[in-house]
Amino acid sequence: MDINSGTRLSQSNAVAVNNILFTGLEGRAEADNRFVRNCIYLAQMKADSLYNSSTQPAQWFDHFAGIFWSTGWSVEEKPVVLVQNEFSGSVQEAWRRLTAPLLARIQLEQVEAGLAALEKDVALLQKFTALSGKTFTSHIVPVSQNASGELVVVLSHIRFIKMVLSTNYLFWQIHQPMSQLDIRARRLVIKRRAIDENREAVDQAIRESVGDLEEVEL
């Protein structure tokens, strides 16, 4: 990973990395986008070391979101949660309804554009859904900036279990009944000073603990 991206501006709205989709990146300093992604990678790695996001989604997400304070982030409001043991319909629409209070309309549109780009590439979509048996897990992370110049992210974790699996990559539309869906989301914010204070330490932690990641611009 090139973590020394200077002050270049990102040319892409979205980046897919394994089962994570980042959106809202276009026009923002690549160094700031990189900082956000690196914080996510570190938190994911630490949460994975304690909990299984497929079988323990609640504990995993609470630990995942709680780690961000160590890199300068503050949580805003309580997490929003949707748990349905019998679900059939559009996962994308369920995600949209749950996260709409946390996001501006333009952010929802950016996510939709990112997902549409993913669906055009079966191999990428299979990585994004992180298929393990009949369990799918994915993360959507919209990034924005508030009026005070602070960076804002909405962490969201999606897990569902299909009782009947008819395809390896069908994700957003579930036609079978008796599927279990869990979606959790929380908004975090970080001040510019905190980014500058934590950037070097986060970069160093990435170099020491995270291998090369395939980041695909969409």
N, C-alpha and C. Protein backbone atom coordinates (compact mmCIF):
# COMPACT_ATOMS: atom_id res chain seq x y z
N MET A 1 0.84 -1.20 0.00
CA MET A 1 0.00 0.00 0.00
C MET A 1 0.87 1.25 0.00
N ASP A 2 0.49 2.18 -0.80
CA ASP A 2 1.19 3.46 -0.82
C ASP A 2 0.55 4.37 0.22
N ILE A 3 1.19 4.48 1.38
CA ILE A 3 0.60 5.29 2.44
C ILE A 3 1.18 6.70 2.47
N ASN A 4 2.08 6.99 1.52
CA ASN A 4 2.65 8.33 1.43
C ASN A 4 2.06 9.03 0.21
N SER A 5 0.77 9.33 0.28
CA SER A 5 0.06 9.84 -0.88
C SER A 5 0.01 11.36 -0.92
N GLY A 6 0.68 12.02 0.02
CA GLY A 6 0.79 13.46 -0.03
C GLY A 6 -0.55 14.17 0.01
N THR A 7 -0.65 15.21 -0.80
CA THR A 7 -1.86 16.03 -0.81
C THR A 7 -2.68 15.83 -2.08
N ARG A 8 -2.41 14.77 -2.82
CA ARG A 8 -3.21 14.50 -4.02
C ARG A 8 -4.69 14.37 -3.64
N LEU A 9 -5.55 14.76 -4.56
CA LEU A 9 -6.98 14.60 -4.35
C LEU A 9 -7.45 13.31 -5.00
N SER A 10 -8.31 12.61 -4.31
CA SER A 10 -8.83 11.36 -4.84
C SER A 10 -9.70 11.63 -6.06
N GLN A 11 -9.56 10.80 -7.08
CA GLN A 11 -10.33 10.95 -8.30
C GLN A 11 -11.53 10.01 -8.35
N SER A 12 -11.63 9.11 -7.37
CA SER A 12 -12.70 8.12 -7.37
C SER A 12 -13.64 8.33 -6.19
N ASN A 13 -14.93 8.14 -6.43
CA ASN A 13 -15.90 8.25 -5.35
C ASN A 13 -15.78 7.10 -4.37
N ALA A 14 -15.47 5.90 -4.90
CA ALA A 14 -15.53 4.70 -4.06
C ALA A 14 -14.29 3.84 -4.24
N VAL A 15 -13.95 3.11 -3.18
CA VAL A 15 -12.87 2.13 -3.19
C VAL A 15 -13.37 0.88 -2.51
N ALA A 16 -13.14 -0.27 -3.14
CA ALA A 16 -13.50 -1.55 -2.54
C ALA A 16 -12.24 -2.27 -2.09
N VAL A 17 -12.27 -2.76 -0.86
CA VAL A 17 -11.14 -3.50 -0.31
C VAL A 17 -11.70 -4.74 0.37
N ASN A 18 -11.53 -5.90 -0.27
CA ASN A 18 -12.11 -7.13 0.24
C ASN A 18 -13.61 -6.92 0.49
N ASN A 19 -14.06 -7.03 1.74
CA ASN A 19 -15.50 -6.90 2.01
C ASN A 19 -15.88 -5.54 2.56
N ILE A 20 -15.07 -4.52 2.25
CA ILE A 20 -15.36 -3.14 2.69
C ILE A 20 -15.54 -2.25 1.47
N LEU A 21 -16.60 -1.43 1.49
CA LEU A 21 -16.81 -0.43 0.45
C LEU A 21 -16.75 0.95 1.10
N PHE A 22 -15.77 1.76 0.67
CA PHE A 22 -15.63 3.15 1.11
C PHE A 22 -16.24 4.05 0.04
N THR A 23 -17.04 5.04 0.44
CA THR A 23 -17.63 5.96 -0.53
C THR A 23 -17.46 7.40 -0.05
N GLY A 24 -17.70 8.35 -0.98
CA GLY A 24 -17.56 9.77 -0.64
C GLY A 24 -16.13 10.25 -0.65
N LEU A 25 -15.26 9.59 -1.42
CA LEU A 25 -13.83 9.90 -1.38
C LEU A 25 -13.40 10.94 -2.41
N GLU A 26 -14.15 11.09 -3.47
CA GLU A 26 -13.74 11.96 -4.57
C GLU A 26 -13.59 13.41 -4.13
N GLY A 27 -12.47 14.04 -4.54
CA GLY A 27 -12.21 15.43 -4.23
C GLY A 27 -11.61 15.67 -2.86
N ARG A 28 -11.46 14.62 -2.09
CA ARG A 28 -10.88 14.74 -0.75
C ARG A 28 -9.39 14.38 -0.83
N ALA A 29 -8.58 14.98 0.05
CA ALA A 29 -7.15 14.67 0.04
C ALA A 29 -6.94 13.17 0.22
N GLU A 30 -6.16 12.59 -0.68
CA GLU A 30 -5.91 11.15 -0.61
C GLU A 30 -5.27 10.76 0.72
N ALA A 31 -4.45 11.66 1.29
CA ALA A 31 -3.84 11.36 2.59
C ALA A 31 -4.91 11.19 3.67
N ASP A 32 -5.96 11.99 3.61
CA ASP A 32 -7.04 11.86 4.59
C ASP A 32 -7.86 10.60 4.35
N ASN A 33 -8.13 10.31 3.07
CA ASN A 33 -8.84 9.07 2.76
C ASN A 33 -8.03 7.86 3.21
N ARG A 34 -6.72 7.94 3.03
CA ARG A 34 -5.86 6.85 3.45
C ARG A 34 -5.89 6.69 4.97
N PHE A 35 -5.90 7.79 5.69
CA PHE A 35 -5.96 7.73 7.14
C PHE A 35 -7.25 7.02 7.58
N VAL A 36 -8.37 7.38 6.96
CA VAL A 36 -9.65 6.74 7.30
C VAL A 36 -9.57 5.24 7.05
N ARG A 37 -9.08 4.86 5.88
CA ARG A 37 -9.02 3.44 5.55
C ARG A 37 -8.09 2.68 6.48
N ASN A 38 -6.96 3.31 6.81
CA ASN A 38 -6.03 2.64 7.71
C ASN A 38 -6.62 2.44 9.11
N CYS A 39 -7.36 3.42 9.58
CA CYS A 39 -8.03 3.27 10.89
C CYS A 39 -9.02 2.11 10.85
N ILE A 40 -9.73 1.98 9.73
CA ILE A 40 -10.69 0.88 9.57
C ILE A 40 -9.96 -0.45 9.58
N TYR A 41 -8.86 -0.55 8.82
CA TYR A 41 -8.13 -1.81 8.75
C TYR A 41 -7.64 -2.25 10.12
N LEU A 42 -7.08 -1.29 10.88
CA LEU A 42 -6.56 -1.62 12.20
C LEU A 42 -7.67 -2.06 13.14
N ALA A 43 -8.79 -1.34 13.13
CA ALA A 43 -9.91 -1.69 14.01
C ALA A 43 -10.48 -3.05 13.63
N GLN A 44 -10.57 -3.32 12.34
CA GLN A 44 -11.10 -4.60 11.89
C GLN A 44 -10.19 -5.74 12.34
N MET A 45 -8.90 -5.55 12.19
CA MET A 45 -7.95 -6.58 12.59
C MET A 45 -8.05 -6.88 14.08
N LYS A 46 -8.16 -5.83 14.90
CA LYS A 46 -8.24 -6.02 16.35
C LYS A 46 -9.56 -6.67 16.75
N ALA A 47 -10.65 -6.26 16.12
CA ALA A 47 -11.95 -6.87 16.43
C ALA A 47 -11.97 -8.33 16.01
N ASP A 48 -11.36 -8.63 14.86
CA ASP A 48 -11.32 -10.02 14.38
C ASP A 48 -10.53 -10.92 15.31
N SER A 49 -9.57 -10.36 16.04
CA SER A 49 -8.76 -11.17 16.94
C SER A 49 -9.53 -11.63 18.17
N LEU A 50 -10.66 -10.98 18.45
CA LEU A 50 -11.45 -11.32 19.63
C LEU A 50 -12.80 -11.94 19.31
N TYR A 51 -13.41 -11.51 18.20
CA TYR A 51 -14.77 -11.96 17.89
C TYR A 51 -14.87 -12.36 16.41
N ASN A 52 -15.84 -13.22 16.14
CA ASN A 52 -16.14 -13.63 14.77
C ASN A 52 -17.34 -12.82 14.29
N SER A 53 -17.13 -11.99 13.28
CA SER A 53 -18.21 -11.10 12.84
C SER A 53 -19.38 -11.86 12.21
N SER A 54 -19.14 -13.11 11.79
CA SER A 54 -20.22 -13.91 11.22
C SER A 54 -21.11 -14.52 12.28
N THR A 55 -20.53 -14.92 13.41
CA THR A 55 -21.30 -15.59 14.45
C THR A 55 -21.55 -14.72 15.67
N GLN A 56 -20.79 -13.64 15.82
CA GLN A 56 -20.94 -12.73 16.96
C GLN A 56 -21.01 -11.27 16.47
N PRO A 57 -21.97 -10.95 15.62
CA PRO A 57 -21.98 -9.61 15.01
C PRO A 57 -22.12 -8.48 16.00
N ALA A 58 -22.91 -8.65 17.05
CA ALA A 58 -23.11 -7.57 18.01
C ALA A 58 -21.83 -7.28 18.79
N GLN A 59 -21.21 -8.34 19.32
CA GLN A 59 -19.97 -8.15 20.08
C GLN A 59 -18.86 -7.63 19.18
N TRP A 60 -18.80 -8.16 17.96
CA TRP A 60 -17.77 -7.73 17.03
C TRP A 60 -17.91 -6.24 16.74
N PHE A 61 -19.12 -5.79 16.42
CA PHE A 61 -19.30 -4.39 16.03
C PHE A 61 -19.04 -3.44 17.19
N ASP A 62 -19.49 -3.81 18.38
CA ASP A 62 -19.25 -2.95 19.55
C ASP A 62 -17.76 -2.77 19.79
N HIS A 63 -17.01 -3.87 19.67
CA HIS A 63 -15.56 -3.78 19.88
C HIS A 63 -14.90 -3.00 18.74
N PHE A 64 -15.32 -3.27 17.53
CA PHE A 64 -14.79 -2.59 16.34
C PHE A 64 -14.95 -1.07 16.46
N ALA A 65 -16.16 -0.61 16.76
CA ALA A 65 -16.41 0.83 16.87
C ALA A 65 -15.70 1.43 18.07
N GLY A 66 -15.56 0.65 19.14
CA GLY A 66 -14.94 1.17 20.34
C GLY A 66 -13.44 1.39 20.24
N ILE A 67 -12.82 0.76 19.26
CA ILE A 67 -11.37 0.87 19.09
C ILE A 67 -10.96 2.24 18.56
N PHE A 68 -11.86 2.94 17.88
CA PHE A 68 -11.48 4.15 17.16
C PHE A 68 -11.04 5.30 18.07
N TRP A 69 -11.46 5.27 19.33
CA TRP A 69 -11.03 6.36 20.22
C TRP A 69 -9.51 6.42 20.31
N SER A 70 -8.84 5.26 20.17
CA SER A 70 -7.39 5.21 20.33
C SER A 70 -6.65 5.90 19.19
N THR A 71 -7.35 6.18 18.08
CA THR A 71 -6.72 6.90 16.97
C THR A 71 -7.35 8.29 16.78
N GLY A 72 -8.00 8.80 17.84
CA GLY A 72 -8.45 10.19 17.84
C GLY A 72 -9.91 10.43 17.49
N TRP A 73 -10.67 9.37 17.22
CA TRP A 73 -12.06 9.52 16.83
C TRP A 73 -12.98 9.65 18.04
N SER A 74 -14.11 10.32 17.84
CA SER A 74 -15.16 10.40 18.86
C SER A 74 -16.45 9.84 18.27
N VAL A 75 -17.22 9.16 19.09
CA VAL A 75 -18.49 8.61 18.61
C VAL A 75 -19.58 9.68 18.72
N GLU A 76 -20.49 9.67 17.78
CA GLU A 76 -21.63 10.57 17.79
C GLU A 76 -22.90 9.74 17.89
N GLU A 77 -23.68 9.99 18.93
CA GLU A 77 -24.95 9.32 19.10
C GLU A 77 -24.76 7.82 19.32
N LYS A 78 -25.86 7.12 19.54
CA LYS A 78 -25.82 5.69 19.77
C LYS A 78 -25.89 4.96 18.43
N PRO A 79 -25.43 3.71 18.39
CA PRO A 79 -25.53 2.95 17.14
C PRO A 79 -26.98 2.67 16.78
N VAL A 80 -27.25 2.50 15.50
CA VAL A 80 -28.57 2.07 15.05
C VAL A 80 -28.45 0.60 14.64
N VAL A 81 -29.49 -0.16 14.94
CA VAL A 81 -29.41 -1.61 14.77
C VAL A 81 -30.70 -2.13 14.16
N LEU A 82 -30.55 -3.05 13.22
CA LEU A 82 -31.68 -3.79 12.67
C LEU A 82 -31.35 -5.27 12.76
N VAL A 83 -32.22 -6.05 13.41
CA VAL A 83 -32.06 -7.50 13.48
C VAL A 83 -33.39 -8.12 13.10
N GLN A 84 -33.39 -8.92 12.03
CA GLN A 84 -34.59 -9.62 11.60
C GLN A 84 -34.25 -11.09 11.39
N ASN A 85 -34.92 -11.95 12.12
CA ASN A 85 -34.67 -13.38 12.01
C ASN A 85 -35.33 -14.00 10.79
N GLU A 86 -36.36 -13.36 10.26
CA GLU A 86 -37.01 -13.83 9.05
C GLU A 86 -37.09 -12.64 8.09
N PHE A 87 -36.19 -12.64 7.11
CA PHE A 87 -36.10 -11.49 6.22
C PHE A 87 -36.18 -11.96 4.77
N SER A 88 -36.89 -11.21 3.96
CA SER A 88 -36.92 -11.43 2.52
C SER A 88 -37.11 -10.08 1.86
N GLY A 89 -36.28 -9.75 0.91
CA GLY A 89 -36.40 -8.46 0.24
C GLY A 89 -35.06 -7.92 -0.15
N SER A 90 -34.92 -6.61 -0.15
CA SER A 90 -33.71 -5.93 -0.60
C SER A 90 -32.85 -5.56 0.60
N VAL A 91 -31.67 -6.13 0.67
CA VAL A 91 -30.72 -5.78 1.72
C VAL A 91 -30.31 -4.31 1.58
N GLN A 92 -30.15 -3.88 0.33
CA GLN A 92 -29.76 -2.49 0.09
C GLN A 92 -30.82 -1.52 0.63
N GLU A 93 -32.09 -1.82 0.41
CA GLU A 93 -33.14 -0.95 0.90
C GLU A 93 -33.22 -0.99 2.43
N ALA A 94 -33.01 -2.16 3.02
CA ALA A 94 -33.01 -2.25 4.48
C ALA A 94 -31.87 -1.43 5.06
N TRP A 95 -30.70 -1.49 4.42
CA TRP A 95 -29.55 -0.69 4.86
C TRP A 95 -29.87 0.80 4.73
N ARG A 96 -30.47 1.16 3.61
CA ARG A 96 -30.78 2.58 3.37
C ARG A 96 -31.74 3.12 4.43
N ARG A 97 -32.78 2.36 4.74
CA ARG A 97 -33.76 2.82 5.73
C ARG A 97 -33.12 3.00 7.10
N LEU A 98 -32.24 2.08 7.46
CA LEU A 98 -31.62 2.15 8.78
C LEU A 98 -30.64 3.31 8.90
N THR A 99 -29.83 3.53 7.86
CA THR A 99 -28.76 4.51 7.94
C THR A 99 -29.16 5.91 7.46
N ALA A 100 -30.34 6.05 6.87
CA ALA A 100 -30.76 7.35 6.32
C ALA A 100 -30.68 8.48 7.35
N PRO A 101 -31.03 8.26 8.63
CA PRO A 101 -30.91 9.35 9.60
C PRO A 101 -29.47 9.80 9.85
N LEU A 102 -28.51 8.97 9.49
CA LEU A 102 -27.10 9.28 9.74
C LEU A 102 -26.41 9.91 8.53
N LEU A 103 -27.08 9.90 7.37
CA LEU A 103 -26.42 10.27 6.12
C LEU A 103 -27.23 11.31 5.36
N ALA A 104 -26.51 12.14 4.60
CA ALA A 104 -27.16 13.08 3.69
C ALA A 104 -27.59 12.33 2.43
N ARG A 105 -28.51 12.94 1.69
CA ARG A 105 -29.01 12.29 0.47
C ARG A 105 -27.87 11.99 -0.50
N ILE A 106 -26.92 12.93 -0.64
CA ILE A 106 -25.82 12.72 -1.58
C ILE A 106 -24.98 11.52 -1.17
N GLN A 107 -24.84 11.27 0.14
CA GLN A 107 -24.08 10.11 0.59
C GLN A 107 -24.78 8.81 0.25
N LEU A 108 -26.10 8.79 0.40
CA LEU A 108 -26.86 7.60 0.01
C LEU A 108 -26.71 7.34 -1.48
N GLU A 109 -26.72 8.40 -2.27
CA GLU A 109 -26.55 8.25 -3.72
C GLU A 109 -25.16 7.74 -4.05
N GLN A 110 -24.14 8.20 -3.32
CA GLN A 110 -22.78 7.74 -3.55
C GLN A 110 -22.64 6.25 -3.24
N VAL A 111 -23.30 5.80 -2.17
CA VAL A 111 -23.28 4.38 -1.84
C VAL A 111 -23.95 3.57 -2.94
N GLU A 112 -25.09 4.04 -3.41
CA GLU A 112 -25.80 3.34 -4.48
C GLU A 112 -24.93 3.23 -5.73
N ALA A 113 -24.20 4.30 -6.05
CA ALA A 113 -23.31 4.28 -7.21
C ALA A 113 -22.18 3.27 -7.00
N GLY A 114 -21.63 3.22 -5.79
CA GLY A 114 -20.57 2.28 -5.49
C GLY A 114 -21.04 0.84 -5.59
N LEU A 115 -22.22 0.57 -5.07
CA LEU A 115 -22.77 -0.79 -5.13
C LEU A 115 -23.08 -1.19 -6.57
N ALA A 116 -23.58 -0.24 -7.36
CA ALA A 116 -23.86 -0.53 -8.76
C ALA A 116 -22.58 -0.90 -9.50
N ALA A 117 -21.48 -0.20 -9.18
CA ALA A 117 -20.20 -0.52 -9.80
C ALA A 117 -19.71 -1.90 -9.37
N LEU A 118 -19.91 -2.23 -8.10
CA LEU A 118 -19.51 -3.55 -7.60
C LEU A 118 -20.25 -4.66 -8.32
N GLU A 119 -21.54 -4.47 -8.54
CA GLU A 119 -22.37 -5.52 -9.13
C GLU A 119 -21.99 -5.82 -10.57
N LYS A 120 -21.21 -4.95 -11.19
CA LYS A 120 -20.76 -5.19 -12.56
C LYS A 120 -19.57 -6.13 -12.61
N ASP A 121 -18.97 -6.42 -11.44
CA ASP A 121 -17.78 -7.26 -11.38
C ASP A 121 -18.06 -8.40 -10.42
N VAL A 122 -18.32 -9.59 -10.93
CA VAL A 122 -18.70 -10.72 -10.09
C VAL A 122 -17.60 -11.07 -9.10
N ALA A 123 -16.34 -11.04 -9.55
CA ALA A 123 -15.23 -11.39 -8.66
C ALA A 123 -15.14 -10.42 -7.49
N LEU A 124 -15.27 -9.12 -7.77
CA LEU A 124 -15.25 -8.12 -6.70
C LEU A 124 -16.43 -8.30 -5.76
N LEU A 125 -17.60 -8.58 -6.32
CA LEU A 125 -18.79 -8.73 -5.50
C LEU A 125 -18.67 -9.94 -4.58
N GLN A 126 -18.05 -11.00 -5.06
CA GLN A 126 -17.85 -12.18 -4.22
C GLN A 126 -16.93 -11.85 -3.04
N LYS A 127 -15.89 -11.04 -3.30
CA LYS A 127 -15.01 -10.62 -2.20
C LYS A 127 -15.77 -9.74 -1.22
N PHE A 128 -16.57 -8.83 -1.76
CA PHE A 128 -17.29 -7.88 -0.90
C PHE A 128 -18.28 -8.56 0.02
N THR A 129 -18.95 -9.59 -0.46
CA THR A 129 -19.93 -10.28 0.36
C THR A 129 -19.29 -11.24 1.34
N ALA A 130 -17.98 -11.51 1.19
CA ALA A 130 -17.24 -12.36 2.13
C ALA A 130 -18.01 -13.64 2.43
N LEU A 131 -18.38 -14.34 1.37
CA LEU A 131 -19.19 -15.55 1.52
C LEU A 131 -18.46 -16.61 2.33
N SER A 132 -19.12 -17.11 3.37
CA SER A 132 -18.60 -18.21 4.17
C SER A 132 -19.76 -19.14 4.43
N GLY A 133 -19.87 -20.22 3.60
CA GLY A 133 -21.03 -21.07 3.70
C GLY A 133 -22.26 -20.31 3.25
N LYS A 134 -23.24 -20.16 4.13
CA LYS A 134 -24.45 -19.41 3.80
C LYS A 134 -24.45 -18.04 4.48
N THR A 135 -23.32 -17.64 5.04
CA THR A 135 -23.24 -16.37 5.75
C THR A 135 -22.48 -15.34 4.91
N PHE A 136 -23.07 -14.15 4.79
CA PHE A 136 -22.44 -13.04 4.08
C PHE A 136 -22.15 -11.94 5.10
N THR A 137 -20.96 -11.35 5.02
CA THR A 137 -20.65 -10.19 5.86
C THR A 137 -20.00 -9.12 4.99
N SER A 138 -20.43 -7.88 5.17
CA SER A 138 -19.87 -6.77 4.41
C SER A 138 -19.90 -5.50 5.25
N HIS A 139 -19.10 -4.52 4.83
CA HIS A 139 -19.03 -3.25 5.52
C HIS A 139 -19.17 -2.12 4.50
N ILE A 140 -20.00 -1.14 4.80
CA ILE A 140 -20.11 0.06 3.97
C ILE A 140 -19.71 1.25 4.84
N VAL A 141 -18.77 2.06 4.34
CA VAL A 141 -18.22 3.18 5.12
C VAL A 141 -18.30 4.47 4.31
N PRO A 142 -19.40 5.21 4.41
CA PRO A 142 -19.45 6.53 3.78
C PRO A 142 -18.57 7.54 4.55
N VAL A 143 -17.85 8.36 3.80
CA VAL A 143 -16.95 9.35 4.39
C VAL A 143 -17.43 10.74 3.97
N SER A 144 -17.38 11.70 4.88
CA SER A 144 -17.79 13.06 4.55
C SER A 144 -17.03 14.04 5.44
N GLN A 145 -17.32 15.31 5.26
CA GLN A 145 -16.72 16.38 6.06
C GLN A 145 -17.82 17.31 6.53
N ASN A 146 -17.81 17.66 7.82
CA ASN A 146 -18.86 18.54 8.32
C ASN A 146 -18.47 20.01 8.19
N ALA A 147 -19.35 20.90 8.63
CA ALA A 147 -19.13 22.34 8.47
C ALA A 147 -17.93 22.84 9.23
N SER A 148 -17.50 22.09 10.25
CA SER A 148 -16.34 22.48 11.05
C SER A 148 -15.03 21.96 10.48
N GLY A 149 -15.11 21.25 9.35
CA GLY A 149 -13.91 20.72 8.73
C GLY A 149 -13.47 19.38 9.30
N GLU A 150 -14.29 18.79 10.15
CA GLU A 150 -13.97 17.49 10.72
C GLU A 150 -14.37 16.38 9.75
N LEU A 151 -13.60 15.28 9.77
CA LEU A 151 -13.97 14.12 8.97
C LEU A 151 -15.03 13.32 9.72
N VAL A 152 -16.00 12.83 8.99
CA VAL A 152 -17.08 12.05 9.56
C VAL A 152 -17.19 10.73 8.79
N VAL A 153 -17.28 9.63 9.51
CA VAL A 153 -17.53 8.34 8.88
C VAL A 153 -18.74 7.69 9.53
N VAL A 154 -19.45 6.91 8.75
CA VAL A 154 -20.50 6.07 9.29
C VAL A 154 -20.05 4.63 9.08
N LEU A 155 -19.75 3.96 10.17
CA LEU A 155 -19.39 2.55 10.11
C LEU A 155 -20.66 1.73 10.00
N SER A 156 -20.71 0.82 9.06
CA SER A 156 -21.88 -0.06 9.01
C SER A 156 -21.44 -1.48 8.68
N HIS A 157 -22.00 -2.41 9.41
CA HIS A 157 -21.68 -3.83 9.27
C HIS A 157 -22.96 -4.57 8.91
N ILE A 158 -22.90 -5.36 7.86
CA ILE A 158 -24.05 -6.10 7.37
C ILE A 158 -23.74 -7.59 7.41
N ARG A 159 -24.62 -8.35 8.04
CA ARG A 159 -24.46 -9.81 8.04
C ARG A 159 -25.82 -10.44 7.78
N PHE A 160 -25.86 -11.39 6.87
CA PHE A 160 -27.08 -12.17 6.78
C PHE A 160 -26.77 -13.61 6.46
N ILE A 161 -27.68 -14.46 6.90
CA ILE A 161 -27.56 -15.89 6.73
C ILE A 161 -28.72 -16.36 5.87
N LYS A 162 -28.40 -16.96 4.75
CA LYS A 162 -29.44 -17.46 3.85
C LYS A 162 -29.70 -18.93 4.16
N MET A 163 -30.96 -19.27 4.38
CA MET A 163 -31.32 -20.64 4.65
C MET A 163 -31.20 -21.50 3.39
N VAL A 164 -31.42 -20.87 2.23
CA VAL A 164 -31.29 -21.55 0.95
C VAL A 164 -30.36 -20.70 0.10
N LEU A 165 -29.30 -21.30 -0.38
CA LEU A 165 -28.30 -20.55 -1.15
C LEU A 165 -28.34 -21.02 -2.59
N SER A 166 -28.77 -20.14 -3.49
CA SER A 166 -28.92 -20.54 -4.89
C SER A 166 -27.79 -20.02 -5.76
N THR A 167 -26.99 -19.13 -5.25
CA THR A 167 -25.89 -18.54 -6.03
C THR A 167 -24.80 -18.08 -5.08
N ASN A 168 -23.59 -18.01 -5.59
CA ASN A 168 -22.46 -17.60 -4.75
C ASN A 168 -22.35 -16.10 -4.61
N TYR A 169 -23.03 -15.33 -5.44
CA TYR A 169 -22.81 -13.89 -5.38
C TYR A 169 -24.07 -13.04 -5.29
N LEU A 170 -25.26 -13.67 -5.26
CA LEU A 170 -26.47 -12.91 -5.03
C LEU A 170 -26.42 -12.30 -3.63
N PHE A 171 -26.48 -11.00 -3.53
CA PHE A 171 -26.31 -10.37 -2.22
C PHE A 171 -27.42 -9.40 -1.88
N TRP A 172 -27.69 -8.45 -2.75
CA TRP A 172 -28.58 -7.37 -2.36
C TRP A 172 -30.05 -7.74 -2.44
N GLN A 173 -30.40 -8.73 -3.23
CA GLN A 173 -31.80 -9.17 -3.29
C GLN A 173 -31.89 -10.60 -2.77
N ILE A 174 -32.69 -10.79 -1.73
CA ILE A 174 -32.90 -12.13 -1.18
C ILE A 174 -34.31 -12.56 -1.53
N HIS A 175 -34.43 -13.63 -2.28
CA HIS A 175 -35.75 -14.09 -2.70
C HIS A 175 -36.26 -15.21 -1.80
N GLN A 176 -35.36 -15.85 -1.05
CA GLN A 176 -35.79 -16.93 -0.18
C GLN A 176 -36.25 -16.38 1.17
N PRO A 177 -37.33 -16.93 1.72
CA PRO A 177 -37.74 -16.53 3.07
C PRO A 177 -36.85 -17.17 4.12
N MET A 178 -37.06 -16.84 5.35
CA MET A 178 -36.34 -17.43 6.47
C MET A 178 -34.84 -17.14 6.41
N SER A 179 -34.48 -15.93 5.99
CA SER A 179 -33.09 -15.49 6.04
C SER A 179 -32.93 -14.54 7.22
N GLN A 180 -31.78 -14.58 7.88
CA GLN A 180 -31.54 -13.72 9.04
C GLN A 180 -30.65 -12.56 8.64
N LEU A 181 -31.08 -11.35 8.98
CA LEU A 181 -30.34 -10.14 8.61
C LEU A 181 -30.00 -9.33 9.84
N ASP A 182 -28.74 -8.91 9.95
CA ASP A 182 -28.28 -8.02 11.00
C ASP A 182 -27.56 -6.85 10.34
N ILE A 183 -27.96 -5.62 10.67
CA ILE A 183 -27.25 -4.43 10.20
C ILE A 183 -27.01 -3.53 11.41
N ARG A 184 -25.78 -3.07 11.55
CA ARG A 184 -25.43 -2.16 12.64
C ARG A 184 -24.63 -1.00 12.06
N ALA A 185 -24.91 0.22 12.54
CA ALA A 185 -24.22 1.39 12.01
C ALA A 185 -23.99 2.40 13.12
N ARG A 186 -22.88 3.15 13.01
CA ARG A 186 -22.58 4.18 14.01
C ARG A 186 -21.73 5.27 13.35
N ARG A 187 -22.00 6.51 13.75
CA ARG A 187 -21.27 7.65 13.18
C ARG A 187 -20.13 8.06 14.10
N LEU A 188 -18.95 8.32 13.50
CA LEU A 188 -17.78 8.78 14.22
C LEU A 188 -17.26 10.05 13.57
N VAL A 189 -16.58 10.87 14.37
CA VAL A 189 -16.03 12.13 13.85
C VAL A 189 -14.63 12.33 14.41
N ILE A 190 -13.79 13.01 13.63
CA ILE A 190 -12.43 13.28 14.09
C ILE A 190 -12.03 14.70 13.66
N LYS A 191 -11.40 15.41 14.57
CA LYS A 191 -10.94 16.77 14.28
C LYS A 191 -9.65 16.74 13.47
N ARG A 192 -9.43 17.81 12.71
CA ARG A 192 -8.22 17.90 11.90
C ARG A 192 -6.96 17.75 12.74
N ARG A 193 -6.93 18.38 13.90
CA ARG A 193 -5.74 18.28 14.76
C ARG A 193 -5.48 16.84 15.18
N ALA A 194 -6.56 16.08 15.46
CA ALA A 194 -6.41 14.69 15.88
C ALA A 194 -5.89 13.82 14.73
N ILE A 195 -6.31 14.15 13.50
CA ILE A 195 -5.77 13.41 12.34
C ILE A 195 -4.27 13.61 12.26
N ASP A 196 -3.83 14.87 12.35
CA ASP A 196 -2.41 15.17 12.25
C ASP A 196 -1.62 14.53 13.38
N GLU A 197 -2.21 14.49 14.58
CA GLU A 197 -1.52 13.91 15.73
C GLU A 197 -1.40 12.39 15.64
N ASN A 198 -2.33 11.76 14.97
CA ASN A 198 -2.37 10.29 14.95
C ASN A 198 -1.91 9.67 13.64
N ARG A 199 -1.74 10.47 12.61
CA ARG A 199 -1.45 9.92 11.28
C ARG A 199 -0.19 9.05 11.27
N GLU A 200 0.90 9.57 11.85
CA GLU A 200 2.17 8.83 11.80
C GLU A 200 2.07 7.50 12.54
N ALA A 201 1.43 7.52 13.72
CA ALA A 201 1.30 6.28 14.50
C ALA A 201 0.43 5.25 13.76
N VAL A 202 -0.63 5.72 13.11
CA VAL A 202 -1.50 4.82 12.36
C VAL A 202 -0.74 4.23 11.17
N ASP A 203 0.02 5.07 10.44
CA ASP A 203 0.81 4.59 9.32
C ASP A 203 1.81 3.53 9.78
N GLN A 204 2.47 3.78 10.92
CA GLN A 204 3.45 2.84 11.44
C GLN A 204 2.80 1.52 11.82
N ALA A 205 1.63 1.58 12.43
CA ALA A 205 0.92 0.36 12.81
C ALA A 205 0.53 -0.45 11.59
N ILE A 206 0.14 0.24 10.53
CA ILE A 206 -0.21 -0.46 9.28
C ILE A 206 1.01 -1.16 8.71
N ARG A 207 2.13 -0.46 8.68
CA ARG A 207 3.35 -1.07 8.13
C ARG A 207 3.76 -2.31 8.91
N GLU A 208 3.52 -2.29 10.20
CA GLU A 208 3.98 -3.40 11.04
C GLU A 208 3.02 -4.58 11.10
N SER A 209 1.74 -4.34 10.83
CA SER A 209 0.78 -5.42 11.11
C SER A 209 -0.15 -5.81 9.98
N VAL A 210 -0.22 -5.00 8.93
CA VAL A 210 -1.16 -5.29 7.85
C VAL A 210 -0.37 -5.47 6.56
N GLY A 211 -0.64 -6.58 5.89
CA GLY A 211 0.02 -6.83 4.62
C GLY A 211 -0.60 -6.02 3.50
N ASP A 212 -0.14 -6.26 2.30
CA ASP A 212 -0.67 -5.53 1.15
C ASP A 212 -2.15 -5.86 0.97
N LEU A 213 -2.94 -4.83 0.73
CA LEU A 213 -4.36 -4.99 0.50
C LEU A 213 -4.68 -4.52 -0.91
N GLU A 214 -5.51 -5.26 -1.59
CA GLU A 214 -5.90 -4.89 -2.95
C GLU A 214 -7.04 -3.89 -2.89
N GLU A 215 -6.73 -2.63 -3.17
CA GLU A 215 -7.72 -1.57 -3.15
C GLU A 215 -8.13 -1.28 -4.59
N VAL A 216 -9.40 -1.43 -4.87
CA VAL A 216 -9.91 -1.26 -6.24
C VAL A 216 -10.76 0.00 -6.31
N GLU A 217 -10.38 0.95 -7.14
CA GLU A 217 -11.16 2.16 -7.32
C GLU A 217 -12.35 1.86 -8.23
N LEU A 218 -13.51 2.37 -7.85
CA LEU A 218 -14.74 2.11 -8.60
C LEU A 218 -15.23 3.38 -9.30
